[in-house]
Amino acid sequence: MESLSLRQARRLALARAGLLAPEHTALPATAGRGEKQARAAAHAVIRRFGYLQLDTVSIAGARSHSIVLASRLGGFPAELGERLLQPGEPLFEYWGHEACWLPIELYPALAFRREEFRVHPWWGDLLGEHPELAREILERIAGEGPLRSMDLEGEGTGGWWGLKTTKKVVSALWSAGELAVAERRSFQRTFDLTERVIPEEWRRQALPPREALKELVLLAHSGHGWAEARTVNATWRLRYRTEEAATATAELVEEGRLLPCALVLEDGRKLKGHARPADLELAGRLDALRPRSHRGVLLSPFDPVLWDRRRVSLFFGFEQRLEIFTPAERRVFGYYCLPVLAGERLIGRVDLKADRRRGRLQVLARHFEAERPTATDQAAAQSALERYAGAVGLAF
């Protein structure tokens, strides 16, 4: 069995996440010039992970999906992240890690999930309980055109139906693959018939679950580098398919596309996991890396390197917290904190609030991991704030 040190695994994770220099990531480091190049760079980042998780919170001046792209692509305008899904783009919106934008080539691999989600994961068999309503929705969209989310907001708003049940059935039709999200504007979804959104070349393909799971498992490792099975399963919501995912992993090992690899902890304990052969070679080369500790970048709390809190604690010795749902008086750091990455260390976090009316980015709090942060750490946090302010178009 191959093995990696904690430092090697951490550096490999950052390289595969696009958070080291481009010679180590094989991803663009900037958004390039103009919207066309910026979109292409964003698509490259999304293909690396296989997903871009969506979130509604915009208090810091941008939503999570825009922050993830801006943290990797210098000069990426955060507002473009809001417009990334539009007709003709090689993306679709669906359940990946959570609700995500995914590369269009993954559409066939998620056929098993669309079938599985004909019974909605939260609300049960809505389509079976309300067949007439489901039929009416599909017929009206077919005849009258796409349905905007705002058309379903609340009772008595003048929308098409304005009923909570209708809103849920629309979501169920999307989860089942009968509707698709054509675009988002101001984070409002526009639903249309799937055949008018997803190109036929992708709709007519449907990978068998066994092959689909192999593709998803391999893609999870592409984004994470070394990973335990629990992280891979969480990446693609496979907690009810862990045995099938384990079989897929075993087949990938037999084919030589994954290798068993132990993570050797500082106390000598070993954690079982896997990595792609090319990534193990990359991990060896990263041993000589000297990370740029004086330059920092802010990360979304939902960043692909942060959502697995156990992994974050293991790799960085950092407690990742999201305190949105914590009462104000009990918060330790703040409402929506963005961790600060400097080189290969998470050195602290900042709580931000965008004041669009005044055109300013307010820093409500800065928290460093060290009781007495070094001048280098302070410079890294400052450079991270300056880069972020530029991305969201606010003075700092």
Protein backbone atom coordinates (compact mmCIF):
# COMPACT_ATOMS: atom_id res chain seq x y z
CA MET A 1 0.00 0.00 0.00
CA GLU A 2 1.18 3.50 -0.85
CA SER A 3 1.38 6.11 1.91
CA LEU A 4 1.37 9.88 2.30
CA SER A 5 2.40 12.12 5.14
CA LEU A 6 -0.09 14.65 6.44
CA ARG A 7 1.87 17.47 4.81
CA GLN A 8 1.87 15.68 1.46
CA ALA A 9 -1.87 15.01 1.62
CA ARG A 10 -2.61 18.61 2.61
CA ARG A 11 -0.52 20.04 -0.22
CA LEU A 12 -2.04 17.59 -2.66
CA ALA A 13 -5.54 18.64 -1.56
CA LEU A 14 -4.71 22.31 -2.14
CA ALA A 15 -3.13 21.57 -5.52
CA ARG A 16 -6.14 19.60 -6.73
CA ALA A 17 -8.43 22.30 -5.33
CA GLY A 18 -6.73 24.95 -7.46
CA LEU A 19 -5.32 26.82 -4.46
CA LEU A 20 -1.60 26.55 -5.21
CA ALA A 21 0.44 28.00 -8.07
CA PRO A 22 -0.83 27.01 -11.56
CA GLU A 23 2.21 24.84 -12.28
CA HIS A 24 0.93 22.53 -9.51
CA THR A 25 -2.81 22.79 -10.19
CA ALA A 26 -3.03 22.56 -14.01
CA LEU A 27 -5.81 25.13 -13.71
CA PRO A 28 -5.88 28.77 -14.81
CA ALA A 29 -4.75 31.21 -12.13
CA THR A 30 -6.65 34.19 -13.54
CA ALA A 31 -9.96 34.90 -15.18
CA GLY A 32 -8.23 36.17 -18.29
CA ARG A 33 -9.57 39.07 -20.33
CA GLY A 34 -13.25 39.48 -20.98
CA GLU A 35 -16.29 37.47 -20.05
CA LYS A 36 -15.69 34.66 -22.53
CA GLN A 37 -12.31 33.81 -21.01
CA ALA A 38 -13.64 34.21 -17.48
CA ARG A 39 -16.45 31.75 -18.20
CA ALA A 40 -14.01 29.25 -19.69
CA ALA A 41 -11.78 29.53 -16.61
CA ALA A 42 -14.78 29.03 -14.32
CA HIS A 43 -15.82 25.91 -16.25
CA ALA A 44 -12.30 24.49 -15.83
CA VAL A 45 -12.55 24.91 -12.05
CA ILE A 46 -15.99 23.31 -11.93
CA ARG A 47 -14.85 20.35 -14.01
CA ARG A 48 -12.01 19.74 -11.56
CA PHE A 49 -14.44 19.08 -8.69
CA GLY A 50 -17.42 18.05 -10.77
CA TYR A 51 -19.66 20.50 -8.93
CA LEU A 52 -20.03 24.07 -7.70
CA GLN A 53 -22.21 24.16 -4.59
CA LEU A 54 -24.87 26.87 -4.49
CA ASP A 55 -25.90 28.89 -1.46
CA THR A 56 -28.26 31.81 -0.96
CA VAL A 57 -26.33 33.94 1.59
CA SER A 58 -24.92 37.12 0.07
CA ILE A 59 -24.19 39.26 3.14
CA ALA A 60 -20.44 39.28 2.40
CA GLY A 61 -21.02 40.81 -1.04
CA ALA A 62 -21.14 37.55 -3.02
CA ARG A 63 -22.67 34.12 -2.69
CA SER A 64 -20.63 31.00 -2.07
CA HIS A 65 -20.41 29.86 -5.70
CA SER A 66 -18.96 33.22 -6.74
CA ILE A 67 -16.53 33.25 -3.81
CA VAL A 68 -15.21 29.79 -4.72
CA LEU A 69 -14.43 30.96 -8.26
CA ALA A 70 -12.97 34.32 -7.19
CA SER A 71 -10.67 32.61 -4.69
CA ARG A 72 -9.03 30.63 -7.49
CA LEU A 73 -9.19 32.96 -10.46
CA GLY A 74 -7.46 36.29 -10.05
CA GLY A 75 -9.53 39.12 -11.49
CA PHE A 76 -12.72 37.03 -11.59
CA PRO A 77 -15.71 39.38 -11.14
CA ALA A 78 -17.95 37.89 -8.49
CA GLU A 79 -21.08 39.15 -10.24
CA LEU A 80 -20.31 36.84 -13.18
CA GLY A 81 -20.70 33.90 -10.82
CA GLU A 82 -24.36 34.83 -10.49
CA ARG A 83 -24.88 34.65 -14.26
CA LEU A 84 -22.85 31.55 -14.96
CA LEU A 85 -25.86 29.33 -15.65
CA GLN A 86 -27.58 30.48 -18.82
CA PRO A 87 -28.87 28.87 -22.02
CA GLY A 88 -26.07 27.40 -24.08
CA GLU A 89 -23.54 27.09 -21.25
CA PRO A 90 -22.08 23.59 -20.62
CA LEU A 91 -23.62 23.41 -17.14
CA PHE A 92 -26.79 22.12 -15.54
CA GLU A 93 -28.24 22.51 -12.08
CA TYR A 94 -28.99 19.45 -10.01
CA TRP A 95 -28.30 17.53 -6.81
CA GLY A 96 -24.56 16.84 -6.68
CA HIS A 97 -22.90 17.41 -3.34
CA GLU A 98 -25.86 19.64 -2.51
CA ALA A 99 -27.77 21.76 -5.01
CA CYS A 100 -25.00 22.49 -7.50
CA TRP A 101 -24.04 23.60 -10.95
CA LEU A 102 -22.42 20.63 -12.66
CA PRO A 103 -20.61 20.06 -15.97
CA ILE A 104 -23.10 18.99 -18.62
CA GLU A 105 -21.09 15.82 -19.32
CA LEU A 106 -22.15 14.53 -15.88
CA TYR A 107 -25.82 14.49 -16.86
CA PRO A 108 -25.77 10.81 -17.95
CA ALA A 109 -24.00 9.77 -14.72
CA LEU A 110 -26.83 11.13 -12.57
CA ALA A 111 -29.62 9.23 -14.31
CA PHE A 112 -29.81 6.88 -11.32
CA ARG A 113 -30.42 9.85 -9.03
CA ARG A 114 -33.18 11.29 -11.18
CA GLU A 115 -34.91 7.92 -11.06
CA GLU A 116 -34.30 7.60 -7.32
CA PHE A 117 -35.60 11.13 -6.68
CA ARG A 118 -38.95 10.52 -8.35
CA VAL A 119 -39.78 10.14 -4.69
CA HIS A 120 -38.55 13.47 -3.33
CA PRO A 121 -35.77 13.07 -0.72
CA TRP A 122 -37.56 15.36 1.77
CA TRP A 123 -41.23 15.49 0.87
CA GLY A 124 -41.93 11.94 -0.23
CA ASP A 125 -43.98 10.84 -3.22
CA LEU A 126 -45.36 14.23 -4.23
CA LEU A 127 -45.68 13.24 -7.89
CA GLY A 128 -47.68 10.16 -6.92
CA GLU A 129 -49.87 12.14 -4.54
CA HIS A 130 -50.52 15.06 -6.94
CA PRO A 131 -50.45 13.61 -10.48
CA GLU A 132 -52.98 16.08 -11.88
CA LEU A 133 -51.10 19.09 -10.53
CA ALA A 134 -47.83 17.72 -11.93
CA ARG A 135 -49.46 17.23 -15.32
CA GLU A 136 -50.94 20.76 -15.26
CA ILE A 137 -47.55 22.29 -14.44
CA LEU A 138 -45.85 20.46 -17.29
CA GLU A 139 -48.62 21.34 -19.76
CA ARG A 140 -48.63 25.02 -18.83
CA ILE A 141 -44.85 25.33 -19.07
CA ALA A 142 -44.96 23.51 -22.42
CA GLY A 143 -47.57 25.94 -23.73
CA GLU A 144 -46.80 29.19 -21.94
CA GLY A 145 -43.03 29.03 -21.53
CA PRO A 146 -40.56 28.82 -18.65
CA LEU A 147 -41.68 29.26 -15.06
CA ARG A 148 -39.77 31.65 -12.82
CA SER A 149 -39.34 30.98 -9.12
CA MET A 150 -40.93 34.33 -8.33
CA ASP A 151 -44.14 33.10 -9.95
CA LEU A 152 -44.50 30.71 -7.02
CA GLU A 153 -43.59 33.06 -4.18
CA GLY A 154 -46.34 33.11 -1.57
CA GLU A 155 -50.11 33.22 -1.76
CA GLY A 156 -51.93 36.10 -3.35
CA THR A 157 -48.89 37.52 -5.14
CA GLY A 158 -50.41 37.32 -8.59
CA GLY A 159 -48.27 34.36 -9.62
CA TRP A 160 -49.54 31.42 -11.61
CA TRP A 161 -50.52 29.42 -8.55
CA GLY A 162 -48.91 30.85 -5.43
CA LEU A 163 -49.44 27.67 -3.44
CA LYS A 164 -46.88 25.88 -1.30
CA THR A 165 -47.89 22.51 -2.72
CA THR A 166 -47.32 23.72 -6.27
CA LYS A 167 -43.87 25.02 -5.34
CA LYS A 168 -42.98 21.62 -3.90
CA VAL A 169 -44.29 19.74 -6.93
CA VAL A 170 -42.20 21.94 -9.24
CA SER A 171 -39.15 21.04 -7.13
CA ALA A 172 -40.13 17.37 -7.30
CA LEU A 173 -40.44 17.53 -11.10
CA TRP A 174 -36.96 19.08 -11.23
CA SER A 175 -35.51 16.42 -8.90
CA ALA A 176 -37.10 13.71 -11.07
CA GLY A 177 -35.59 15.22 -14.22
CA GLU A 178 -38.87 16.23 -15.87
CA LEU A 179 -38.04 19.92 -15.45
CA ALA A 180 -34.63 21.59 -15.62
CA VAL A 181 -33.28 24.96 -14.50
CA ALA A 182 -32.68 27.01 -17.63
CA GLU A 183 -30.98 29.92 -15.89
CA ARG A 184 -30.79 31.99 -12.72
CA ARG A 185 -31.29 35.72 -12.49
CA SER A 186 -30.76 37.43 -9.13
CA PHE A 187 -30.51 33.86 -7.86
CA GLN A 188 -34.10 33.18 -8.97
CA ARG A 189 -34.45 29.94 -10.89
CA THR A 190 -36.26 29.64 -14.21
CA PHE A 191 -37.71 26.17 -14.84
CA ASP A 192 -38.37 24.77 -18.29
CA LEU A 193 -39.03 21.38 -19.86
CA THR A 194 -35.90 19.29 -19.71
CA GLU A 195 -35.86 18.68 -23.47
CA ARG A 196 -35.64 22.46 -24.01
CA VAL A 197 -32.68 22.85 -21.63
CA ILE A 198 -30.51 19.71 -21.75
CA PRO A 199 -29.09 18.94 -25.23
CA GLU A 200 -30.29 15.67 -26.75
CA GLU A 201 -26.77 14.23 -26.93
CA TRP A 202 -26.71 14.15 -23.11
CA ARG A 203 -30.36 13.26 -22.54
CA ARG A 204 -30.23 10.14 -24.67
CA GLN A 205 -27.35 8.74 -22.61
CA ALA A 206 -27.91 7.16 -19.20
CA LEU A 207 -25.04 5.40 -17.48
CA PRO A 208 -25.92 2.24 -15.54
CA PRO A 209 -25.57 2.91 -11.78
CA ARG A 210 -22.44 0.76 -11.56
CA GLU A 211 -20.61 2.76 -14.22
CA ALA A 212 -22.01 6.04 -12.92
CA LEU A 213 -20.67 5.40 -9.43
CA LYS A 214 -17.22 4.61 -10.81
CA GLU A 215 -17.22 7.94 -12.66
CA LEU A 216 -18.35 9.84 -9.56
CA VAL A 217 -15.87 8.14 -7.23
CA LEU A 218 -12.99 8.90 -9.58
CA LEU A 219 -14.14 12.49 -9.96
CA ALA A 220 -14.29 12.93 -6.18
CA HIS A 221 -10.64 11.88 -5.98
CA SER A 222 -9.81 14.29 -8.81
CA GLY A 223 -11.02 17.16 -6.64
CA HIS A 224 -9.75 15.98 -3.26
CA GLY A 225 -6.47 14.24 -4.05
CA TRP A 226 -6.18 11.64 -1.29
CA ALA A 227 -9.52 10.84 0.34
CA GLU A 228 -11.21 8.44 2.70
CA ALA A 229 -14.35 6.62 1.59
CA ARG A 230 -16.48 8.77 3.90
CA THR A 231 -15.35 11.94 2.13
CA VAL A 232 -15.97 10.43 -1.31
CA ASN A 233 -19.46 9.31 -0.29
CA ALA A 234 -20.30 12.72 1.14
CA THR A 235 -19.07 14.41 -2.04
CA TRP A 236 -21.86 12.79 -4.04
CA ARG A 237 -24.54 12.11 -1.40
CA LEU A 238 -23.89 8.37 -1.46
CA ARG A 239 -24.60 7.58 2.17
CA TYR A 240 -27.29 5.07 1.12
CA ARG A 241 -25.02 3.55 -1.52
CA THR A 242 -21.84 3.03 0.47
CA GLU A 243 -21.52 -0.67 -0.45
CA GLU A 244 -21.98 0.11 -4.14
CA ALA A 245 -19.43 2.93 -3.86
CA ALA A 246 -16.99 0.54 -2.20
CA THR A 247 -17.47 -1.91 -5.08
CA ALA A 248 -16.87 0.90 -7.58
CA THR A 249 -13.68 1.84 -5.74
CA ALA A 250 -12.46 -1.76 -5.77
CA GLU A 251 -13.05 -1.99 -9.53
CA LEU A 252 -11.15 1.26 -10.08
CA VAL A 253 -8.25 -0.20 -8.10
CA GLU A 254 -8.32 -3.35 -10.25
CA GLU A 255 -8.23 -1.16 -13.35
CA GLY A 256 -5.27 0.80 -11.98
CA ARG A 257 -7.15 4.10 -11.92
CA LEU A 258 -7.02 4.32 -8.10
CA LEU A 259 -4.42 3.08 -5.65
CA PRO A 260 -4.93 2.19 -1.97
CA CYS A 261 -3.03 4.77 0.06
CA ALA A 262 -2.61 5.22 3.81
CA LEU A 263 -2.41 8.65 5.40
CA VAL A 264 0.28 8.48 8.08
CA LEU A 265 -0.56 10.78 10.98
CA GLU A 266 2.00 12.46 13.19
CA ASP A 267 1.38 9.95 15.98
CA GLY A 268 2.01 7.04 13.60
CA ARG A 269 -1.63 6.06 13.12
CA LYS A 270 -2.75 5.31 9.59
CA LEU A 271 -6.01 6.16 7.85
CA LYS A 272 -7.12 4.10 4.87
CA GLY A 273 -7.91 5.92 1.66
CA HIS A 274 -7.22 6.06 -2.05
CA ALA A 275 -5.66 8.37 -4.59
CA ARG A 276 -5.14 8.46 -8.32
CA PRO A 277 -1.66 7.36 -9.49
CA ALA A 278 -0.92 10.74 -11.07
CA ASP A 279 -1.83 12.49 -7.83
CA LEU A 280 0.57 10.35 -5.82
CA GLU A 281 3.32 11.41 -8.23
CA LEU A 282 2.26 15.03 -7.78
CA ALA A 283 2.31 14.66 -3.99
CA GLY A 284 5.95 13.59 -4.20
CA ARG A 285 6.86 16.66 -6.24
CA LEU A 286 5.06 18.96 -3.79
CA ASP A 287 7.47 17.97 -1.01
CA ALA A 288 9.88 20.65 -2.25
CA LEU A 289 7.18 23.32 -2.39
CA ARG A 290 7.69 26.58 -0.51
CA PRO A 291 4.16 28.05 -0.16
CA ARG A 292 3.72 31.81 -0.35
CA SER A 293 2.68 32.52 3.23
CA HIS A 294 2.58 36.32 2.88
CA ARG A 295 -0.23 36.22 0.29
CA GLY A 296 -3.68 35.18 1.41
CA VAL A 297 -7.04 34.35 -0.07
CA LEU A 298 -10.51 34.23 1.47
CA LEU A 299 -12.46 30.99 1.13
CA SER A 300 -16.18 30.43 1.14
CA PRO A 301 -17.36 28.47 4.20
CA PHE A 302 -18.79 26.00 1.64
CA ASP A 303 -15.55 25.71 -0.32
CA PRO A 304 -14.76 22.15 -1.50
CA VAL A 305 -11.77 22.05 0.85
CA LEU A 306 -13.84 23.19 3.85
CA TRP A 307 -17.23 21.48 3.94
CA ASP A 308 -15.80 18.22 5.36
CA ARG A 309 -15.06 19.59 8.83
CA ARG A 310 -13.33 16.46 10.08
CA ARG A 311 -10.95 16.56 7.13
CA VAL A 312 -10.30 20.28 7.71
CA SER A 313 -9.43 19.60 11.33
CA LEU A 314 -7.15 16.74 10.33
CA PHE A 315 -5.33 18.55 7.51
CA PHE A 316 -5.15 22.08 8.93
CA GLY A 317 -5.79 21.84 12.67
CA PHE A 318 -8.59 24.35 12.06
CA GLU A 319 -12.11 24.27 13.47
CA GLN A 320 -14.43 25.22 10.64
CA ARG A 321 -17.61 26.81 11.98
CA LEU A 322 -20.74 28.16 10.36
CA GLU A 323 -22.64 30.25 12.89
CA ILE A 324 -25.51 31.53 10.76
CA PHE A 325 -28.02 29.52 12.80
CA THR A 326 -26.33 30.24 16.14
CA PRO A 327 -28.00 32.99 18.23
CA ALA A 328 -25.92 36.18 18.07
CA GLU A 329 -25.04 36.11 21.75
CA ARG A 330 -23.57 32.61 21.41
CA ARG A 331 -21.47 33.16 18.29
CA VAL A 332 -17.73 32.81 18.73
CA PHE A 333 -16.54 34.35 15.45
CA GLY A 334 -19.46 35.87 13.55
CA TYR A 335 -22.49 35.37 11.32
CA TYR A 336 -20.77 34.40 8.04
CA CYS A 337 -17.02 34.08 8.42
CA LEU A 338 -14.65 33.47 5.52
CA PRO A 339 -11.49 31.52 6.49
CA VAL A 340 -8.14 32.98 5.40
CA LEU A 341 -5.77 30.64 3.58
CA ALA A 342 -2.10 31.68 3.55
CA GLY A 343 0.15 29.27 1.71
CA GLU A 344 -0.87 25.89 3.12
CA ARG A 345 -2.21 27.19 6.45
CA LEU A 346 -5.62 28.43 7.54
CA ILE A 347 -4.50 31.38 9.65
CA GLY A 348 -7.83 32.86 10.72
CA ARG A 349 -11.19 34.12 9.53
CA VAL A 350 -13.00 37.39 8.85
CA ASP A 351 -16.64 38.33 9.30
CA LEU A 352 -17.72 40.64 6.48
CA LYS A 353 -20.75 42.68 5.55
CA ALA A 354 -21.24 44.38 2.21
CA ASP A 355 -22.72 47.87 2.22
CA ARG A 356 -23.75 48.26 -1.40
CA ARG A 357 -25.43 51.63 -0.81
CA ARG A 358 -22.14 53.15 0.34
CA GLY A 359 -20.03 50.93 -1.89
CA ARG A 360 -17.97 49.59 1.00
CA LEU A 361 -16.95 46.24 2.44
CA GLN A 362 -17.19 46.30 6.23
CA VAL A 363 -14.88 44.09 8.26
CA LEU A 364 -16.96 43.30 11.34
CA ALA A 365 -14.27 41.11 12.93
CA ARG A 366 -10.87 39.53 12.28
CA HIS A 367 -9.89 36.41 14.17
CA PHE A 368 -6.42 34.90 13.91
CA GLU A 369 -5.60 31.37 14.98
CA ALA A 370 -2.45 32.55 16.71
CA GLU A 371 -2.87 34.59 19.88
CA ARG A 372 -0.18 36.93 18.57
CA PRO A 373 -0.29 36.79 14.76
CA THR A 374 2.97 37.40 12.97
CA ALA A 375 3.49 40.29 10.60
CA THR A 376 3.43 37.74 7.77
CA ASP A 377 0.00 36.45 8.82
CA GLN A 378 -1.36 39.98 9.13
CA ALA A 379 -0.03 40.84 5.68
CA ALA A 380 -1.63 37.68 4.26
CA ALA A 381 -5.02 38.56 5.77
CA GLN A 382 -4.75 42.10 4.43
CA SER A 383 -3.90 40.92 0.92
CA ALA A 384 -6.79 38.44 1.05
CA LEU A 385 -9.23 41.21 1.98
CA GLU A 386 -7.94 43.48 -0.75
CA ARG A 387 -8.28 40.76 -3.38
CA TYR A 388 -11.79 39.89 -2.21
CA ALA A 389 -12.92 43.54 -2.14
CA GLY A 390 -11.78 43.90 -5.74
CA ALA A 391 -13.72 40.77 -6.75
CA VAL A 392 -16.98 42.00 -5.22
CA GLY A 393 -16.47 45.56 -6.49
CA LEU A 394 -16.43 47.33 -3.11
CA ALA A 395 -14.01 49.76 -1.50
CA PHE A 396 -12.04 48.42 1.42
